[in-house]
Amino acid sequence: MRNDGLSRMDGDAIYSHEITADTRVIDANGHVNNVAYVQWMQEAAIAHFRSIGGIESMRQAAGTWVARSHWIEYLRPAFAGDRVQIHTWVASVRRVRSTRKYSFERASDGAILARGETDWVFVDIKTGRPCAIPADIRRAFAIVSSREEQE
């Protein structure tokens, strides 16, 4: 088991995205501001979706993803210059929604800094209304379950 609760057998379905905490995201408390984590979640989700070929399928379907909600649990602070590994995976796909989870790990010591999730909704670009996630996009997602969800 990895220290973020994910099984190693999940393999390539877990996407890793590395960032370095820039001084611009440091708040008055001297650590990474909570708002930066939401931005990093979006960046990692887009990078993962792009890596599985989802961008072209999304364009062909004339749809896009919008965030319905975000949840973040902060465990330890990150500081300017910290390299942060963002691990992200799809935990579920339903008719019009998908839940994506995240684990933020400091590269230097492996400490888990935060965990989060986003509830994404697939919407029609023209109407802005939720629509069914196309089959080719659904197939591109490998569903990963965490140890916490199995207990």
Foldseek 3Di string as FASTA:
>chain_A
DAPVQFDCVCPPQKDKDKDFAAPVQADPVQFGDPVVVVVVVVVRVVVSCVVLVNPVVCVVQQKDKDWPDKDKDFDATHHGGFMKIKIKHWADDDFFKTKMKIWIAGPVPRDTGMIMITIIGIARNVPRHGGGDDPVSVVSGDHTDGNVVVD
